[in-house]
Protein backbone atom coordinates (compact mmCIF):
# COMPACT_ATOMS: atom_id res chain seq x y z
CA UNK A 1 -31.77 -38.18 30.17
CA UNK A 2 -34.63 -35.34 30.13
CA UNK A 3 -34.28 -31.98 29.00
CA UNK A 4 -35.19 -30.90 32.67
CA UNK A 5 -32.31 -32.81 34.15
CA UNK A 6 -29.87 -31.54 31.57
CA UNK A 7 -31.28 -27.87 32.11
CA UNK A 8 -29.52 -28.25 35.67
CA UNK A 9 -26.22 -28.47 33.98
CA UNK A 10 -26.33 -25.59 31.40
CA UNK A 11 -23.66 -22.96 31.72
CA UNK A 12 -24.26 -19.46 30.72
CA UNK A 13 -22.76 -18.05 27.42
CA UNK A 14 -22.10 -14.58 26.72
CA UNK A 15 -24.42 -13.90 23.54
CA UNK A 16 -22.44 -11.07 22.26
CA UNK A 17 -19.11 -13.22 22.37
CA UNK A 18 -21.06 -16.07 20.55
CA UNK A 19 -22.09 -14.11 17.85
CA UNK A 20 -18.81 -12.72 17.35
CA UNK A 21 -17.27 -16.12 17.61
CA UNK A 22 -19.56 -17.37 14.83
CA UNK A 23 -18.69 -14.56 12.45
CA UNK A 24 -15.15 -14.68 13.09
CA UNK A 25 -14.71 -18.48 12.59
CA UNK A 26 -16.83 -18.44 9.46
CA UNK A 27 -14.58 -15.72 8.01
CA UNK A 28 -11.57 -17.96 8.86
CA UNK A 29 -13.13 -20.76 6.84
CA UNK A 30 -14.02 -18.51 4.04
CA UNK A 31 -10.52 -17.24 3.78
CA UNK A 32 -9.33 -20.86 3.73
CA UNK A 33 -11.38 -21.81 0.84
CA UNK A 34 -11.08 -18.56 -1.32
CA UNK A 35 -8.07 -19.98 -3.48
CA UNK A 36 -8.83 -23.69 -3.44
CA UNK A 37 -8.07 -25.27 -6.76
CA UNK A 38 -10.51 -27.72 -8.25
CA UNK A 39 -8.22 -30.43 -7.22
CA UNK A 40 -8.12 -29.25 -3.75
CA UNK A 41 -11.82 -29.29 -3.78
CA UNK A 42 -11.99 -32.85 -4.72
CA UNK A 43 -9.70 -33.96 -1.83
CA UNK A 44 -10.98 -36.50 0.57
CA UNK A 45 -11.97 -35.82 4.02
CA UNK A 46 -12.27 -37.93 7.06
CA UNK A 47 -16.28 -37.60 6.80
CA UNK A 48 -17.00 -40.87 4.67
CA UNK A 49 -16.91 -40.01 1.03
CA UNK A 50 -17.35 -36.49 1.33
CA UNK A 51 -14.73 -34.45 -0.54
CA UNK A 52 -13.68 -30.98 0.54
CA UNK A 53 -16.39 -29.55 -1.85
CA UNK A 54 -18.94 -31.37 0.26
CA UNK A 55 -17.45 -30.32 3.43
CA UNK A 56 -17.62 -26.71 2.45
CA UNK A 57 -21.02 -27.00 1.25
CA UNK A 58 -22.17 -28.42 4.78
CA UNK A 59 -20.48 -25.53 6.62
CA UNK A 60 -22.42 -23.08 4.48
CA UNK A 61 -25.62 -24.87 5.11
CA UNK A 62 -24.96 -25.20 8.91
CA UNK A 63 -24.27 -21.54 9.13
CA UNK A 64 -26.69 -20.16 6.79
CA UNK A 65 -29.62 -22.04 8.60
CA UNK A 66 -29.28 -19.20 11.08
CA UNK A 67 -30.25 -16.58 8.56
CA UNK A 68 -32.85 -18.82 6.81
CA UNK A 69 -34.62 -19.89 10.08
CA UNK A 70 -34.71 -16.18 11.35
CA UNK A 71 -36.68 -15.27 8.15
CA UNK A 72 -39.50 -17.99 9.17
CA UNK A 73 -42.10 -17.18 11.62
CA UNK A 74 -40.97 -17.67 15.30
CA UNK A 75 -42.22 -20.97 16.73
CA UNK A 76 -44.60 -20.64 19.89
CA UNK A 77 -42.17 -22.33 22.34
CA UNK A 78 -38.77 -23.77 22.96
CA UNK A 79 -38.61 -27.44 22.07
CA UNK A 80 -34.99 -27.98 22.24
CA UNK A 81 -32.51 -26.90 24.94
CA UNK A 82 -28.98 -26.32 24.51
CA UNK A 83 -27.83 -29.69 26.08
CA UNK A 84 -30.60 -31.55 24.10
CA UNK A 85 -28.86 -30.56 20.80
CA UNK A 86 -25.74 -33.12 21.06
CA UNK A 87 -27.96 -35.85 21.35
CA UNK A 88 -30.73 -34.81 18.84
CA UNK A 89 -28.48 -34.69 15.67
CA UNK A 90 -28.07 -38.16 14.90
CA UNK A 91 -31.46 -39.09 13.46
CA UNK A 92 -30.88 -36.34 10.90
CA UNK A 93 -27.70 -37.38 9.36
CA UNK A 94 -29.22 -38.75 6.17
CA UNK A 95 -31.16 -35.77 5.69
CA UNK A 96 -28.04 -33.69 6.22
CA UNK A 97 -26.02 -35.74 3.76
CA UNK A 98 -28.48 -35.64 1.09
CA UNK A 99 -28.92 -31.68 1.33
CA UNK A 100 -25.31 -31.29 1.55
CA UNK A 101 -24.65 -33.22 -1.69
CA UNK A 102 -27.33 -31.36 -3.58
CA UNK A 103 -25.90 -28.05 -2.47
CA UNK A 104 -22.35 -29.06 -3.46
CA UNK A 105 -23.39 -30.22 -6.87
CA UNK A 106 -25.24 -26.85 -7.70
CA UNK A 107 -22.96 -24.21 -6.51
CA UNK A 108 -19.53 -22.92 -6.28
CA UNK A 109 -18.09 -23.45 -2.79
CA UNK A 110 -16.69 -20.07 -2.35
CA UNK A 111 -19.66 -18.37 -3.88
CA UNK A 112 -21.73 -20.25 -1.34
CA UNK A 113 -19.83 -19.04 1.78
CA UNK A 114 -19.90 -15.50 0.39
CA UNK A 115 -23.76 -15.60 0.09
CA UNK A 116 -23.92 -17.02 3.55
CA UNK A 117 -21.78 -14.50 5.13
CA UNK A 118 -23.82 -11.82 3.47
CA UNK A 119 -27.07 -13.08 4.51
CA UNK A 120 -26.07 -13.56 8.13
CA UNK A 121 -24.65 -10.08 8.39
CA UNK A 122 -27.92 -8.77 6.98
CA UNK A 123 -30.21 -10.73 9.42
CA UNK A 124 -28.44 -11.65 12.66
CA UNK A 125 -27.62 -7.89 14.13
CA UNK A 126 -31.39 -7.28 14.28
CA UNK A 127 -32.30 -10.54 16.18
CA UNK A 128 -33.04 -10.74 19.76
CA UNK A 129 -30.91 -13.35 21.68
CA UNK A 130 -34.17 -15.03 22.92
CA UNK A 131 -35.75 -15.15 19.54
CA UNK A 132 -37.28 -18.63 19.13
CA UNK A 133 -36.34 -20.17 15.71
CA UNK A 134 -37.16 -23.41 13.86
CA UNK A 135 -34.16 -25.75 13.52
CA UNK A 136 -33.78 -29.30 12.22
CA UNK A 137 -33.79 -30.71 15.78
CA UNK A 138 -36.78 -28.39 17.03
CA UNK A 139 -37.41 -25.00 18.00
CA UNK A 140 -34.48 -23.22 19.89
CA UNK A 141 -33.43 -20.02 21.27
CA UNK A 142 -31.15 -18.03 18.76
CA UNK A 143 -28.46 -17.63 21.69
CA UNK A 144 -28.49 -21.43 22.19
CA UNK A 145 -28.31 -22.22 18.47
CA UNK A 146 -25.53 -20.07 17.77
CA UNK A 147 -23.38 -21.97 20.49
CA UNK A 148 -24.27 -25.13 18.41
CA UNK A 149 -23.13 -23.19 15.33
CA UNK A 150 -19.72 -22.95 17.23
CA UNK A 151 -19.37 -26.66 17.45
CA UNK A 152 -20.15 -27.07 13.90
CA UNK A 153 -17.63 -24.28 12.74
CA UNK A 154 -14.74 -25.61 15.00
CA UNK A 155 -15.03 -29.28 14.42
CA UNK A 156 -15.43 -28.96 10.65
CA UNK A 157 -12.54 -26.34 10.61
CA UNK A 158 -10.68 -29.00 11.89
CA UNK A 159 -11.92 -31.48 9.40
CA UNK A 160 -10.93 -29.07 6.76
CA UNK A 161 -7.67 -28.46 8.11
CA UNK A 162 -6.85 -32.17 8.10
CA UNK A 163 -8.19 -32.54 4.49
CA UNK A 164 -5.89 -29.65 3.23
CA UNK A 165 -2.86 -30.35 5.28
CA UNK A 166 -3.43 -26.59 6.47
CA UNK A 167 -3.38 -24.68 9.62
CA UNK A 168 -6.65 -22.80 9.68
CA UNK A 169 -7.04 -20.29 12.52
CA UNK A 170 -9.50 -20.88 15.35
CA UNK A 171 -11.33 -18.04 16.96
CA UNK A 172 -10.69 -18.54 20.79
CA UNK A 173 -14.32 -17.93 21.84
CA UNK A 174 -15.50 -20.28 19.29
CA UNK A 175 -13.24 -23.04 20.45
CA UNK A 176 -14.14 -22.32 23.97
CA UNK A 177 -17.82 -22.73 23.30
CA UNK A 178 -17.54 -26.04 21.29
CA UNK A 179 -15.25 -27.45 24.03
CA UNK A 180 -17.61 -26.44 27.02
CA UNK A 181 -20.83 -27.62 25.20
CA UNK A 182 -19.55 -31.08 24.41
CA UNK A 183 -17.72 -31.37 27.78
CA UNK A 184 -21.27 -30.49 29.55
CA UNK A 185 -22.79 -33.03 27.17
CA UNK A 186 -20.52 -35.79 28.51
CA UNK A 187 -21.33 -34.82 32.19
CA UNK A 188 -25.24 -35.09 31.05
CA UNK A 189 -24.83 -38.53 29.31
CA UNK A 190 -22.91 -39.95 32.18
CA UNK A 191 -24.04 -37.96 35.24
CA UNK A 192 -21.83 -38.45 38.66
CA UNK A 193 -19.08 -37.07 40.45
CA UNK A 194 -16.33 -39.81 40.27
CA UNK A 195 -14.35 -38.76 37.41
CA UNK A 196 -13.01 -35.01 36.69
CA UNK A 197 -12.53 -34.35 32.87
CA UNK A 198 -10.23 -31.43 32.39
CA UNK A 199 -9.83 -29.60 29.14
CA UNK A 200 -7.67 -26.70 29.87
CA UNK A 201 -8.08 -23.80 29.56
CA UNK A 202 -11.78 -24.07 28.73
CA UNK A 203 -13.53 -26.82 30.80
CA UNK A 204 -13.63 -28.97 33.83
CA UNK A 205 -16.60 -31.24 34.43
CA UNK A 206 -17.45 -34.24 36.67
CA UNK A 207 -19.09 -37.33 35.41
CA UNK A 208 -19.82 -41.01 35.99
CA UNK A 209 -21.61 -42.58 39.01
CA UNK A 210 -19.32 -43.56 42.13
CA UNK A 211 -17.63 -42.03 44.87
CA UNK A 212 -17.63 -38.17 44.60
CA UNK A 213 -14.53 -36.31 45.03
CA UNK A 214 -14.77 -33.32 47.43
CA UNK A 215 -11.32 -32.00 48.16
CA UNK A 216 -7.61 -32.37 47.27
CA UNK A 217 -6.53 -34.15 44.00
CA UNK A 218 -9.46 -36.07 42.36
CA UNK A 219 -8.46 -40.03 42.20
CA UNK A 220 -9.91 -40.21 38.69
CA UNK A 221 -8.74 -37.52 36.07
CA UNK A 222 -8.89 -37.37 32.44
CA UNK A 223 -7.10 -34.39 30.88
CA UNK A 224 -6.67 -33.43 27.18
CA UNK A 225 -6.29 -30.28 25.03
CA UNK A 226 -9.38 -28.70 23.39
CA UNK A 227 -8.96 -30.08 19.76
CA UNK A 228 -8.36 -33.65 21.03
CA UNK A 229 -11.33 -33.46 23.32
CA UNK A 230 -13.46 -32.42 20.28
CA UNK A 231 -12.16 -35.22 18.19
CA UNK A 232 -12.89 -37.81 20.88
CA UNK A 233 -16.29 -36.06 21.62
CA UNK A 234 -17.25 -36.57 17.69
CA UNK A 235 -15.80 -39.66 17.19
CA UNK A 236 -13.12 -38.38 15.03
CA UNK A 237 -10.59 -39.97 17.32
CA UNK A 238 -10.89 -43.31 19.23
CA UNK A 239 -10.22 -43.28 22.97
CA UNK A 240 -7.55 -46.16 22.83
CA UNK A 241 -5.81 -44.37 19.90
CA UNK A 242 -5.88 -40.97 21.78
CA UNK A 243 -4.48 -42.78 24.82
CA UNK A 244 -1.46 -44.57 22.78
CA UNK A 245 -0.56 -41.40 21.18
CA UNK A 246 -0.46 -39.72 24.57
CA UNK A 247 -2.69 -36.92 23.60
CA UNK A 248 -5.00 -37.74 26.57
CA UNK A 249 -3.92 -38.81 30.00
CA UNK A 250 -6.08 -40.77 32.26
CA UNK A 251 -5.35 -41.71 35.78
CA UNK A 252 -7.53 -43.70 38.47
CA UNK A 253 -9.50 -46.91 37.83
CA UNK A 254 -12.69 -45.24 36.89
CA UNK A 255 -10.81 -42.97 34.35
CA UNK A 256 -11.58 -44.87 31.21
CA UNK A 257 -14.48 -42.74 29.52
CA UNK A 258 -14.23 -44.55 26.21
CA UNK A 259 -17.58 -46.26 26.57
CA UNK A 260 -19.25 -42.86 26.91
CA UNK A 261 -17.77 -41.48 23.58
CA UNK A 262 -18.68 -40.01 21.22
CA UNK A 263 -21.12 -37.57 22.67
CA UNK A 264 -22.17 -35.91 19.49
CA UNK A 265 -23.13 -38.17 16.48
């Protein structure tokens, strides 16, 4: 689907709230990592053969990219809109993996997070929301890129919590932004109005071609909680497994959205 078509679906995000959300969620991650032992850093994660050490390095790299890219000259124009991002990441997986492993091998994880937090605090407050910046997937506006950082932070906080068997807090605004962007990505991937996907309290979208619902109770409804939705949207949880676990409800003959998941590679 073209960027122009996706732009029709882009919702507005409060840039100040998004900035605060990135900072707050990164602080939660940093706090969780502060006292990890070598044994905990060596624990496996659900991300292939990455350990907790690689996962932490990746989070540092993902958030550190904000400060690094803001220090580079601004590109002349936007190349990647917000709703293009979920569909543009998969081709870069190998490069991200290699960079993550190199970073993890060369640095202490907590020191990495501390340095990243300091760099972000030094650069971000002075940057304009509409500042165009280079990213791995093409030039983006800062305000849009920070929404994608909410996705990275929340999804990988969930990965880290699972690996450590810990309950790491979620900033409400970061969780909301991540949920909404990936719900909108589903609507962009499977445009239509025959199925209503509800992720209370943050998002409701319509998707999939077919008869459009106009009033009353929709005939085809999918509903789940934000973390389950993020796991489905990123492939951490399979559609069938979520149904079997009653983590998601689906009513109506068109309500099987499993074939459109994940939406983020």
